[in-house]
Amino acid sequence: MKLEYKKICRYLSVLVYVVYLYTSGLASYIFGTWQNIIAVLLGAVVLGYIANTGFPKIRIVKAIKPVDLLVMIMLIAIIFNNADIKNGSYINTVATVSIFLFYLVSKNDNRWMEIATNLLFYGGLFHAVASFILYLLPNVYMTYVMPLFVSFGYESTLLYCVRNGYAAGLAPHYSTNAMYMSVALGAAFIRLTDRRFKGKPIMNKINIAFTAFILFVLILTGKRAHCVFALVCLFAAYYVYNSDKPKNRLMKTLALIAVGGIALVLIVEIAPDAVPVIRRFIYMSQLEDSSLGRNARMLMALNLFLRNALTGIGWNGFTYYYNATFGDWLNVHNVYLQLLCEEGLRFSLAFFAFFIVSFLHAWNALKQSRVQKLDGINESLLLYSVYIQAFFLLYSLTGNPLYDAPFLFPYIFGCAFGEYYYRKVKELTAYES
């Protein structure tokens, strides 16, 4: 009974982030005012700390690990040179800071990690089912769902989705729904390797069906980048997962790619206009600007970086600069350029180092665990870590996942999984040596 409060805190802290993730555009209906949202997100950090260490105690930090130091530098950069705060906006900053703080207080405890992937899976599956039903029933969608987002200024965007057959589901934008599906796809995919389902052929078939269904709904969203990146990352994760079979893993991966390619060709031949993402690929060359103005914003960000190479213009400063210039609120849609523009060389290098080091740690941990057959390593969690981090790195080329708090949550979860088991693998290999 003594430890029950920790278990409750563990569930509640993760639940807060997952609910916030899957209610993008609807947070005010769930949490109320922006002050409530801030309080809840910061409360999740406290709950995560209590779940890991107990009630707050004064502790002497014996050694700060390099990855922890990178995160601390990133937090300093976000908090003390911040355009949002200067302009009186706090929610996005608090959300970003809270998830990095959660990473620091929770990455040394693995008891919340399976809870997180389960919640990500079931939340994503709920959205997938809702998206599919609403895609088949557009009148129901326009009557009952769309009005929920009208007061937040999403009506024109959602009408665009309906006219073009893009499945926005219960999200304010088809891109947001594609993000939901991409996260859920990773959470569903790892269930195919989960030790809990070994020797249970019925559950394996059910999990295959769930994975295929979520992938299908992802295609229905019509988002090209999310579909391509998700598939590439699945293949990459599958490849490293089979590190214990070096002779045939390449052939297995290529076989999966071939099957997927054949299925895509068949769909294109049979019904090219039935699936929106395929239609967008076919007609992409006919668009006047397939980059949707992103090239111009990237060039603008590069010029701002060259003018402020050392210090940058402050966290999220590009959106304010763009608004002052063109009257619209847009990001660069390239995380790497936006970081250089906003944080300069002084801080952006810390972000880049964290991205790379965290990904390599997860990749190497999964590889070593598979090759050496280590006990006590949850390889399914490592598989998710590789998938979601790879997706983040690719999507950062064409989107802004670092600045999108709902996507940042599952990414940081994956980073925590990778770091925890990387250290575990190092301990086990050192012991065996």
Protein backbone atom coordinates (compact mmCIF):
# COMPACT_ATOMS: atom_id res chain seq x y z
CA MET A 1 0.00 0.00 0.00
CA LYS A 2 2.98 2.24 0.67
CA LEU A 3 3.88 2.52 -3.00
CA GLU A 4 0.35 2.81 -4.38
CA TYR A 5 0.51 6.59 -4.54
CA LYS A 6 3.52 6.30 -6.88
CA LYS A 7 1.56 4.05 -9.19
CA ILE A 8 -1.34 6.52 -9.27
CA CYS A 9 1.04 9.41 -9.96
CA ARG A 10 2.65 7.40 -12.73
CA TYR A 11 -0.66 6.82 -14.51
CA LEU A 12 -1.90 10.37 -14.04
CA SER A 13 1.29 12.07 -15.25
CA VAL A 14 1.38 10.11 -18.52
CA LEU A 15 -2.39 10.38 -18.97
CA VAL A 16 -2.22 14.19 -18.86
CA TYR A 17 0.28 14.30 -21.73
CA VAL A 18 -1.56 11.74 -23.85
CA VAL A 19 -4.92 13.50 -23.37
CA TYR A 20 -3.31 16.82 -24.29
CA LEU A 21 -1.71 15.14 -27.32
CA TYR A 22 -4.97 13.68 -28.65
CA THR A 23 -7.14 16.76 -28.01
CA SER A 24 -5.30 19.30 -30.14
CA GLY A 25 -7.62 22.22 -30.84
CA LEU A 26 -10.03 21.04 -28.16
CA ALA A 27 -7.88 21.56 -25.06
CA SER A 28 -10.06 24.38 -23.78
CA TYR A 29 -13.08 22.03 -23.75
CA ILE A 30 -11.12 19.52 -21.67
CA PHE A 31 -9.01 21.66 -19.37
CA GLY A 32 -10.81 25.02 -19.38
CA THR A 33 -8.80 28.26 -19.34
CA TRP A 34 -5.18 28.58 -20.46
CA GLN A 35 -4.21 29.01 -16.81
CA ASN A 36 -5.74 25.60 -16.09
CA ILE A 37 -3.83 24.07 -18.99
CA ILE A 38 -0.54 25.45 -17.66
CA ALA A 39 -1.31 24.21 -14.14
CA VAL A 40 -2.20 20.71 -15.39
CA LEU A 41 0.94 20.40 -17.54
CA LEU A 42 3.23 21.54 -14.74
CA GLY A 43 1.32 19.23 -12.39
CA ALA A 44 2.17 16.32 -14.70
CA VAL A 45 5.87 17.08 -14.17
CA VAL A 46 5.43 17.04 -10.39
CA LEU A 47 3.49 13.77 -10.58
CA GLY A 48 6.22 12.27 -12.76
CA TYR A 49 8.83 13.31 -10.20
CA ILE A 50 6.86 11.82 -7.31
CA ALA A 51 6.27 8.59 -9.25
CA ASN A 52 10.01 8.25 -9.81
CA THR A 53 11.52 9.43 -6.53
CA GLY A 54 8.75 9.85 -4.01
CA PHE A 55 7.65 13.13 -2.44
CA PRO A 56 10.09 15.98 -3.05
CA LYS A 57 13.36 15.65 -1.16
CA ILE A 58 16.60 17.58 -1.18
CA ARG A 59 19.02 15.52 -3.24
CA ILE A 60 22.67 16.05 -4.10
CA VAL A 61 23.33 15.47 -7.75
CA LYS A 62 26.52 13.43 -7.94
CA ALA A 63 27.04 13.63 -11.68
CA ILE A 64 25.20 15.22 -14.58
CA LYS A 65 25.18 13.04 -17.65
CA PRO A 66 25.99 14.62 -21.04
CA VAL A 67 22.45 14.14 -22.41
CA ASP A 68 20.99 15.72 -19.27
CA LEU A 69 23.31 18.70 -19.73
CA LEU A 70 22.11 19.11 -23.32
CA VAL A 71 18.49 19.16 -22.14
CA MET A 72 19.32 21.78 -19.49
CA ILE A 73 20.97 23.99 -22.11
CA MET A 74 17.90 23.58 -24.33
CA LEU A 75 15.64 24.62 -21.46
CA ILE A 76 17.76 27.72 -20.81
CA ALA A 77 17.54 28.60 -24.51
CA ILE A 78 13.75 28.16 -24.57
CA ILE A 79 13.01 30.08 -21.36
CA PHE A 80 15.42 33.02 -21.40
CA ASN A 81 15.33 34.02 -25.06
CA ASN A 82 11.68 33.54 -25.88
CA ALA A 83 9.54 35.60 -28.27
CA ASP A 84 6.30 34.04 -26.95
CA ILE A 85 6.97 35.20 -23.39
CA LYS A 86 7.96 38.68 -24.60
CA ASN A 87 4.58 38.88 -26.33
CA GLY A 88 2.56 37.58 -23.36
CA SER A 89 1.91 34.06 -24.67
CA TYR A 90 2.79 31.17 -22.35
CA ILE A 91 0.92 27.92 -23.17
CA ASN A 92 3.22 26.54 -25.88
CA THR A 93 6.33 27.42 -23.90
CA VAL A 94 5.01 25.78 -20.73
CA ALA A 95 3.99 22.67 -22.70
CA THR A 96 7.46 22.41 -24.26
CA VAL A 97 9.32 23.05 -21.00
CA SER A 98 7.11 20.64 -19.05
CA ILE A 99 7.79 17.67 -21.34
CA PHE A 100 11.55 18.25 -21.19
CA LEU A 101 11.33 18.48 -17.39
CA PHE A 102 9.28 15.28 -17.40
CA TYR A 103 12.09 13.67 -19.40
CA LEU A 104 14.66 14.69 -16.78
CA VAL A 105 12.64 13.40 -13.82
CA SER A 106 11.30 10.21 -15.40
CA LYS A 107 13.92 8.75 -17.74
CA ASN A 108 15.55 6.74 -14.93
CA ASP A 109 12.34 4.82 -14.20
CA ASN A 110 10.87 2.39 -16.76
CA ARG A 111 7.62 1.61 -14.94
CA TRP A 112 5.67 4.33 -16.77
CA MET A 113 6.92 3.42 -20.24
CA GLU A 114 4.57 0.56 -21.11
CA ILE A 115 1.72 2.65 -19.71
CA ALA A 116 2.68 5.42 -22.15
CA THR A 117 2.77 3.19 -25.25
CA ASN A 118 -0.55 1.55 -24.28
CA LEU A 119 -2.22 4.94 -23.90
CA LEU A 120 -0.71 6.16 -27.18
CA PHE A 121 -2.03 3.05 -28.93
CA TYR A 122 -5.57 3.14 -27.55
CA GLY A 123 -5.88 6.90 -27.97
CA GLY A 124 -4.65 6.63 -31.55
CA LEU A 125 -6.95 3.69 -32.29
CA PHE A 126 -9.91 5.71 -31.03
CA HIS A 127 -9.00 8.53 -33.40
CA ALA A 128 -8.51 6.08 -36.28
CA VAL A 129 -11.98 4.56 -35.80
CA ALA A 130 -13.56 8.01 -35.46
CA SER A 131 -11.72 9.26 -38.55
CA PHE A 132 -12.86 6.31 -40.65
CA ILE A 133 -16.50 6.66 -39.60
CA LEU A 134 -16.53 10.42 -40.17
CA TYR A 135 -14.80 9.93 -43.54
CA LEU A 136 -17.69 7.68 -44.61
CA LEU A 137 -20.28 10.07 -43.14
CA PRO A 138 -19.26 13.61 -44.18
CA ASN A 139 -22.67 15.06 -43.28
CA VAL A 140 -22.31 13.81 -39.71
CA TYR A 141 -18.83 15.31 -39.62
CA MET A 142 -20.00 18.74 -40.84
CA THR A 143 -23.02 18.77 -38.51
CA TYR A 144 -21.48 17.60 -35.24
CA VAL A 145 -17.67 17.77 -35.39
CA MET A 146 -16.79 20.81 -37.46
CA PRO A 147 -18.74 23.25 -35.22
CA LEU A 148 -16.44 22.29 -32.32
CA PHE A 149 -13.53 23.97 -34.12
CA VAL A 150 -15.34 26.92 -35.72
CA SER A 151 -14.78 29.28 -32.78
CA PHE A 152 -11.03 28.60 -32.99
CA GLY A 153 -10.80 29.68 -36.64
CA TYR A 154 -10.48 26.24 -38.26
CA GLU A 155 -13.67 26.27 -40.35
CA SER A 156 -12.08 27.17 -43.71
CA THR A 157 -9.33 24.58 -43.21
CA LEU A 158 -11.81 21.83 -42.40
CA LEU A 159 -14.06 22.75 -45.33
CA TYR A 160 -10.98 22.40 -47.53
CA CYS A 161 -10.42 18.91 -46.07
CA VAL A 162 -14.03 17.87 -46.74
CA ARG A 163 -13.97 19.14 -50.34
CA ASN A 164 -10.74 17.29 -51.10
CA GLY A 165 -11.58 14.08 -49.25
CA TYR A 166 -8.91 14.40 -46.56
CA ALA A 167 -9.77 12.67 -43.27
CA ALA A 168 -9.35 15.27 -40.53
CA GLY A 169 -11.24 13.16 -37.99
CA LEU A 170 -11.46 14.75 -34.53
CA ALA A 171 -8.53 17.08 -35.22
CA PRO A 172 -8.42 20.74 -36.31
CA HIS A 173 -6.44 19.88 -39.46
CA TYR A 174 -5.77 16.81 -41.60
CA SER A 175 -2.07 17.30 -40.86
CA THR A 176 -2.78 16.98 -37.13
CA ASN A 177 -4.79 13.82 -37.71
CA ALA A 178 -1.92 12.43 -39.80
CA MET A 179 0.36 13.12 -36.83
CA TYR A 180 -2.05 11.20 -34.58
CA MET A 181 -1.98 8.26 -36.98
CA SER A 182 1.81 8.32 -37.31
CA VAL A 183 2.23 8.14 -33.53
CA ALA A 184 -0.45 5.44 -33.21
CA LEU A 185 1.15 3.44 -36.05
CA GLY A 186 4.40 3.19 -34.09
CA ALA A 187 2.54 2.20 -30.91
CA ALA A 188 0.59 -0.45 -32.86
CA PHE A 189 3.63 -1.77 -34.72
CA ILE A 190 5.58 -2.57 -31.55
CA ARG A 191 2.72 -4.74 -30.31
CA LEU A 192 3.76 -7.21 -33.03
CA THR A 193 6.98 -7.78 -31.07
CA ASP A 194 5.60 -7.36 -27.55
CA ARG A 195 6.54 -10.23 -25.21
CA ARG A 196 3.04 -10.09 -23.70
CA PHE A 197 1.56 -11.47 -26.92
CA LYS A 198 4.09 -14.22 -27.66
CA GLY A 199 2.42 -17.58 -28.10
CA LYS A 200 -0.97 -15.92 -28.65
CA PRO A 201 -1.71 -16.24 -32.41
CA ILE A 202 -5.16 -14.64 -32.09
CA MET A 203 -3.70 -11.51 -30.46
CA ASN A 204 -0.97 -11.39 -33.09
CA LYS A 205 -3.58 -11.39 -35.86
CA ILE A 206 -5.58 -8.70 -34.06
CA ASN A 207 -2.48 -6.53 -33.68
CA ILE A 208 -1.64 -6.97 -37.38
CA ALA A 209 -5.18 -5.88 -38.23
CA PHE A 210 -4.91 -2.83 -35.94
CA THR A 211 -1.59 -1.83 -37.51
CA ALA A 212 -2.95 -2.20 -41.04
CA PHE A 213 -6.10 -0.26 -40.17
CA ILE A 214 -4.21 2.67 -38.64
CA LEU A 215 -1.91 2.76 -41.69
CA PHE A 216 -4.98 2.83 -43.94
CA VAL A 217 -6.47 5.76 -42.02
CA LEU A 218 -3.10 7.53 -42.23
CA ILE A 219 -3.36 7.20 -46.02
CA LEU A 220 -6.92 8.59 -45.89
CA THR A 221 -5.62 11.80 -44.30
CA GLY A 222 -3.96 12.65 -47.60
CA LYS A 223 -0.65 13.76 -46.04
CA ARG A 224 2.16 12.69 -48.34
CA ALA A 225 5.06 13.43 -46.01
CA HIS A 226 3.57 11.60 -43.02
CA CYS A 227 2.83 8.50 -45.12
CA VAL A 228 6.31 8.37 -46.66
CA PHE A 229 8.16 9.13 -43.43
CA ALA A 230 6.10 6.65 -41.40
CA LEU A 231 6.77 3.82 -43.86
CA VAL A 232 10.48 4.63 -44.15
CA CYS A 233 10.78 4.66 -40.35
CA LEU A 234 8.90 1.38 -39.99
CA PHE A 235 11.31 -0.26 -42.43
CA ALA A 236 14.33 1.26 -40.64
CA ALA A 237 13.08 0.12 -37.23
CA TYR A 238 12.34 -3.35 -38.59
CA TYR A 239 15.83 -3.49 -40.08
CA VAL A 240 17.63 -2.73 -36.82
CA TYR A 241 15.26 -5.02 -34.89
CA ASN A 242 16.55 -7.90 -37.01
CA SER A 243 20.20 -7.20 -36.17
CA ASP A 244 20.45 -10.71 -34.77
CA LYS A 245 19.81 -12.04 -38.29
CA PRO A 246 22.32 -10.10 -40.39
CA LYS A 247 22.19 -12.52 -43.33
CA ASN A 248 18.48 -12.26 -44.09
CA ARG A 249 17.33 -8.98 -42.49
CA LEU A 250 18.04 -7.01 -45.65
CA MET A 251 16.05 -9.48 -47.74
CA LYS A 252 13.17 -9.38 -45.25
CA THR A 253 13.11 -5.58 -45.30
CA LEU A 254 13.28 -5.47 -49.11
CA ALA A 255 10.49 -8.06 -49.30
CA LEU A 256 8.28 -5.85 -47.12
CA ILE A 257 9.05 -2.85 -49.31
CA ALA A 258 8.26 -4.89 -52.44
CA VAL A 259 4.91 -6.04 -51.03
CA GLY A 260 4.03 -2.47 -50.10
CA GLY A 261 5.07 -1.22 -53.54
CA ILE A 262 2.98 -3.84 -55.35
CA ALA A 263 -0.06 -3.02 -53.19
CA LEU A 264 0.36 0.68 -53.96
CA VAL A 265 0.60 0.05 -57.69
CA LEU A 266 -2.54 -2.07 -57.61
CA ILE A 267 -4.45 0.66 -55.75
CA VAL A 268 -3.29 3.28 -58.25
CA GLU A 269 -4.37 1.10 -61.18
CA ILE A 270 -7.73 0.10 -59.74
CA ALA A 271 -8.88 3.31 -58.06
CA PRO A 272 -6.41 6.20 -58.33
CA ASP A 273 -8.92 8.80 -57.17
CA ALA A 274 -10.29 6.81 -54.25
CA VAL A 275 -7.41 7.46 -51.88
CA PRO A 276 -6.50 11.13 -51.33
CA VAL A 277 -2.78 10.66 -50.66
CA ILE A 278 -2.33 8.84 -53.96
CA ARG A 279 -4.26 11.53 -55.75
CA ARG A 280 -1.97 14.14 -54.22
CA PHE A 281 1.14 12.28 -55.41
CA ILE A 282 -0.26 11.93 -58.95
CA TYR A 283 -1.16 15.58 -59.29
CA MET A 284 1.75 17.00 -57.29
CA SER A 285 3.60 18.07 -60.42
CA GLN A 286 0.58 20.09 -61.54
CA LEU A 287 0.61 22.29 -58.46
CA GLU A 288 2.07 25.74 -58.91
CA ASP A 289 3.89 25.53 -55.60
CA SER A 290 4.03 22.03 -54.14
CA SER A 291 6.11 23.37 -51.27
CA LEU A 292 3.18 25.67 -50.25
CA GLY A 293 5.55 28.64 -49.88
CA ARG A 294 7.97 26.78 -47.63
CA ASN A 295 10.98 27.50 -49.84
CA ALA A 296 10.43 31.23 -49.39
CA ARG A 297 10.14 30.84 -45.61
CA MET A 298 13.27 28.69 -45.49
CA LEU A 299 15.18 31.38 -47.38
CA MET A 300 13.83 34.02 -45.00
CA ALA A 301 14.93 31.94 -41.98
CA LEU A 302 18.39 31.49 -43.49
CA ASN A 303 18.75 35.24 -44.02
CA LEU A 304 17.64 35.92 -40.42
CA PHE A 305 20.22 33.39 -39.20
CA LEU A 306 23.01 35.06 -41.17
CA ARG A 307 22.07 38.41 -39.62
CA ASN A 308 21.92 36.95 -36.08
CA ALA A 309 24.29 34.00 -36.39
CA LEU A 310 25.41 33.85 -32.78
CA THR A 311 22.34 34.72 -30.67
CA GLY A 312 19.36 34.20 -32.99
CA ILE A 313 16.06 36.09 -32.70
CA GLY A 314 14.57 34.11 -29.82
CA TRP A 315 12.44 30.97 -29.45
CA ASN A 316 9.48 31.08 -31.86
CA GLY A 317 10.66 34.50 -33.02
CA PHE A 318 10.24 33.57 -36.69
CA THR A 319 6.44 33.38 -36.42
CA TYR A 320 6.29 36.91 -34.99
CA TYR A 321 8.67 38.21 -37.64
CA TYR A 322 6.61 36.55 -40.39
CA ASN A 323 3.38 37.92 -38.94
CA ALA A 324 4.80 41.45 -38.78
CA THR A 325 5.91 41.13 -42.41
CA PHE A 326 3.00 39.27 -44.05
CA GLY A 327 0.18 39.32 -41.48
CA ASP A 328 0.05 35.53 -41.04
CA TRP A 329 1.27 33.14 -38.35
CA LEU A 330 3.54 30.52 -39.93
CA ASN A 331 6.61 28.54 -38.96
CA VAL A 332 9.52 27.79 -41.26
CA HIS A 333 8.40 24.17 -41.66
CA ASN A 334 12.01 23.10 -41.21
CA VAL A 335 13.05 22.63 -37.60
CA TYR A 336 16.78 22.79 -38.30
CA LEU A 337 16.63 26.13 -40.11
CA GLN A 338 14.17 27.54 -37.58
CA LEU A 339 16.48 26.60 -34.69
CA LEU A 340 19.45 28.25 -36.41
CA CYS A 341 17.33 31.33 -37.06
CA GLU A 342 15.92 31.59 -33.53
CA GLU A 343 18.68 30.18 -31.29
CA GLY A 344 21.77 30.96 -33.35
CA LEU A 345 24.94 28.93 -33.05
CA ARG A 346 24.99 29.63 -29.31
CA PHE A 347 22.15 27.21 -28.50
CA SER A 348 20.99 25.44 -31.68
CA LEU A 349 23.99 23.10 -31.59
CA ALA A 350 22.74 21.72 -28.25
CA PHE A 351 19.40 20.84 -29.86
CA PHE A 352 21.09 19.16 -32.83
CA ALA A 353 23.40 17.21 -30.53
CA PHE A 354 20.46 15.99 -28.45
CA PHE A 355 18.56 14.85 -31.57
CA ILE A 356 21.53 12.87 -32.89
CA VAL A 357 22.86 11.43 -29.63
CA SER A 358 19.42 10.33 -28.43
CA PHE A 359 18.66 8.59 -31.73
CA LEU A 360 22.03 6.83 -31.86
CA HIS A 361 21.63 5.66 -28.26
CA ALA A 362 18.26 4.05 -29.05
CA TRP A 363 19.54 2.51 -32.31
CA ASN A 364 22.66 1.05 -30.70
CA ALA A 365 20.79 -0.20 -27.63
CA LEU A 366 18.26 -2.09 -29.75
CA LYS A 367 21.01 -3.47 -31.99
CA GLN A 368 23.15 -4.70 -29.09
CA SER A 369 20.20 -6.15 -27.23
CA ARG A 370 19.13 -8.16 -30.27
CA VAL A 371 22.64 -9.37 -31.13
CA GLN A 372 23.66 -10.28 -27.57
CA LYS A 373 20.22 -11.59 -26.48
CA LEU A 374 20.27 -9.53 -23.30
CA ASP A 375 17.79 -10.17 -20.50
CA GLY A 376 15.79 -7.39 -18.87
CA ILE A 377 15.57 -5.23 -22.02
CA ASN A 378 12.13 -4.28 -23.34
CA GLU A 379 12.97 -4.38 -27.05
CA SER A 380 9.46 -3.31 -28.04
CA LEU A 381 9.96 0.01 -26.26
CA LEU A 382 13.32 0.42 -27.96
CA LEU A 383 11.67 -0.35 -31.30
CA TYR A 384 9.16 2.46 -30.66
CA SER A 385 12.02 4.75 -29.67
CA VAL A 386 13.86 4.15 -32.95
CA TYR A 387 10.67 4.59 -34.99
CA ILE A 388 9.42 7.82 -33.38
CA GLN A 389 12.85 9.45 -33.26
CA ALA A 390 13.53 8.61 -36.90
CA PHE A 391 10.12 10.04 -37.79
CA PHE A 392 10.88 13.22 -35.85
CA LEU A 393 14.23 13.70 -37.60
CA LEU A 394 12.68 13.24 -41.06
CA TYR A 395 9.54 15.26 -40.38
CA SER A 396 11.72 18.11 -39.09
CA LEU A 397 12.84 18.61 -42.70
CA THR A 398 9.33 19.58 -43.87
CA GLY A 399 7.38 20.36 -40.69
CA ASN A 400 7.75 21.80 -37.21
CA PRO A 401 7.35 18.88 -34.73
CA LEU A 402 9.63 20.51 -32.14
CA TYR A 403 7.25 23.47 -31.94
CA ASP A 404 4.13 21.29 -32.02
CA ALA A 405 3.68 20.30 -28.37
CA PRO A 406 1.27 17.40 -29.03
CA PHE A 407 3.85 15.67 -31.27
CA LEU A 408 6.74 16.64 -29.01
CA PHE A 409 5.24 14.53 -26.18
CA PRO A 410 5.45 11.10 -27.90
CA TYR A 411 8.87 12.02 -29.30
CA ILE A 412 10.28 12.82 -25.86
CA PHE A 413 8.68 9.63 -24.53
CA GLY A 414 10.68 7.76 -27.16
CA CYS A 415 13.88 9.60 -26.21
CA ALA A 416 13.36 8.60 -22.57
CA PHE A 417 12.81 4.95 -23.56
CA GLY A 418 16.00 4.94 -25.60
CA GLU A 419 18.14 6.62 -22.94
CA TYR A 420 16.92 4.34 -20.14
CA TYR A 421 17.62 1.13 -22.04
CA TYR A 422 20.85 2.44 -23.53
CA ARG A 423 22.22 2.74 -20.00
CA LYS A 424 20.73 -0.64 -19.10
CA VAL A 425 22.42 -2.27 -22.10
CA LYS A 426 25.76 -0.66 -21.15
CA GLU A 427 25.44 -2.01 -17.61
CA LEU A 428 24.58 -5.52 -18.80
CA THR A 429 27.34 -5.68 -21.41
CA ALA A 430 29.90 -4.35 -18.89
CA TYR A 431 28.77 -6.99 -16.36
CA GLU A 432 29.04 -9.79 -18.92
CA SER A 433 32.48 -8.58 -19.96
